[in-house]
Amino acid sequence: MQKIRPDMDIGNNIRALRKSAQMKQDDVVAQMQLLGIDITRSTYAKIESNIMNIKVSELCALKIIFNCEFADFFQNFQL
């Protein structure tokens, strides 16, 4: 099976939102798990590093956790 590579560099925006919220990766993962998202810190780190694609459910959870708009994840994105 061929792996899908991330085509948008939103990991940096996710990292910036996390740091702006003064949260550690472990804090975000704990909040995601409370929202029913089964994720490890290792997987979350891969999302921030653009090694792994983010799932829609994970993106929705992060929107709640960071109290932001979906557009915030795509700031400064260019094709």
Protein backbone atom coordinates (compact mmCIF):
# COMPACT_ATOMS: atom_id res chain seq x y z
CA MET A 1 0.00 0.00 0.00
CA GLN A 2 1.29 3.44 -0.92
CA LYS A 3 1.53 5.96 1.89
CA ILE A 4 -0.11 9.33 1.45
CA ARG A 5 2.18 12.23 2.15
CA PRO A 6 0.82 15.39 3.71
CA ASP A 7 0.21 17.99 1.01
CA MET A 8 -0.35 20.96 3.30
CA ASP A 9 2.10 22.17 5.90
CA ILE A 10 -0.41 22.85 8.67
CA GLY A 11 1.72 21.24 11.37
CA ASN A 12 3.56 24.50 11.97
CA ASN A 13 0.25 26.31 12.44
CA ILE A 14 -0.94 23.65 14.86
CA ARG A 15 2.31 23.98 16.81
CA ALA A 16 1.95 27.78 16.88
CA LEU A 17 -1.63 27.52 18.16
CA ARG A 18 -0.50 25.10 20.87
CA LYS A 19 2.32 27.37 21.98
CA SER A 20 0.01 30.38 21.91
CA ALA A 21 -2.29 28.45 24.26
CA GLN A 22 0.78 27.76 26.46
CA MET A 23 0.19 24.02 26.27
CA LYS A 24 2.58 21.10 26.03
CA GLN A 25 1.99 18.28 23.58
CA ASP A 26 1.00 16.02 26.48
CA ASP A 27 -1.64 18.58 27.54
CA VAL A 28 -3.15 18.64 24.05
CA VAL A 29 -3.16 14.84 23.81
CA ALA A 30 -4.89 14.57 27.21
CA GLN A 31 -7.58 17.04 26.09
CA MET A 32 -8.04 15.18 22.81
CA GLN A 33 -8.45 11.90 24.67
CA LEU A 34 -11.09 13.51 26.90
CA LEU A 35 -12.93 14.45 23.70
CA GLY A 36 -12.84 10.80 22.59
CA ILE A 37 -9.91 11.01 20.18
CA ASP A 38 -7.61 7.99 20.58
CA ILE A 39 -4.19 9.53 19.98
CA THR A 40 -0.72 9.20 21.47
CA ARG A 41 1.80 11.96 22.04
CA SER A 42 4.01 10.35 19.41
CA THR A 43 1.26 10.52 16.81
CA TYR A 44 0.46 14.11 17.74
CA ALA A 45 4.15 15.03 17.39
CA LYS A 46 4.14 13.50 13.90
CA ILE A 47 1.15 15.68 12.98
CA GLU A 48 2.95 18.82 14.16
CA SER A 49 6.03 17.74 12.20
CA ASN A 50 4.01 17.04 9.04
CA ILE A 51 5.13 13.42 9.05
CA MET A 52 1.56 12.20 9.40
CA ASN A 53 -1.72 13.45 7.96
CA ILE A 54 -4.27 14.75 10.43
CA LYS A 55 -7.73 13.20 10.58
CA VAL A 56 -10.78 15.43 10.34
CA SER A 57 -11.90 14.30 13.81
CA GLU A 58 -8.51 15.32 15.22
CA LEU A 59 -8.69 18.71 13.51
CA CYS A 60 -12.19 19.27 14.94
CA ALA A 61 -10.93 18.38 18.43
CA LEU A 62 -8.01 20.81 18.08
CA LYS A 63 -10.43 23.56 17.03
CA ILE A 64 -12.28 23.04 20.31
CA ILE A 65 -9.11 22.78 22.41
CA PHE A 66 -7.47 25.89 20.94
CA ASN A 67 -10.78 27.78 20.70
CA CYS A 68 -9.95 28.85 17.16
CA GLU A 69 -11.41 28.88 13.67
CA PHE A 70 -10.62 26.26 11.02
CA ALA A 71 -9.01 29.02 8.96
CA ASP A 72 -6.37 29.42 11.70
CA PHE A 73 -4.96 26.00 10.77
CA PHE A 74 -4.40 27.16 7.18
CA GLN A 75 -2.80 30.58 7.77
CA ASN A 76 0.00 31.48 5.37
CA PHE A 77 -0.72 28.48 3.17
CA GLN A 78 0.18 28.86 -0.48
CA LEU A 79 -0.22 26.42 -3.35
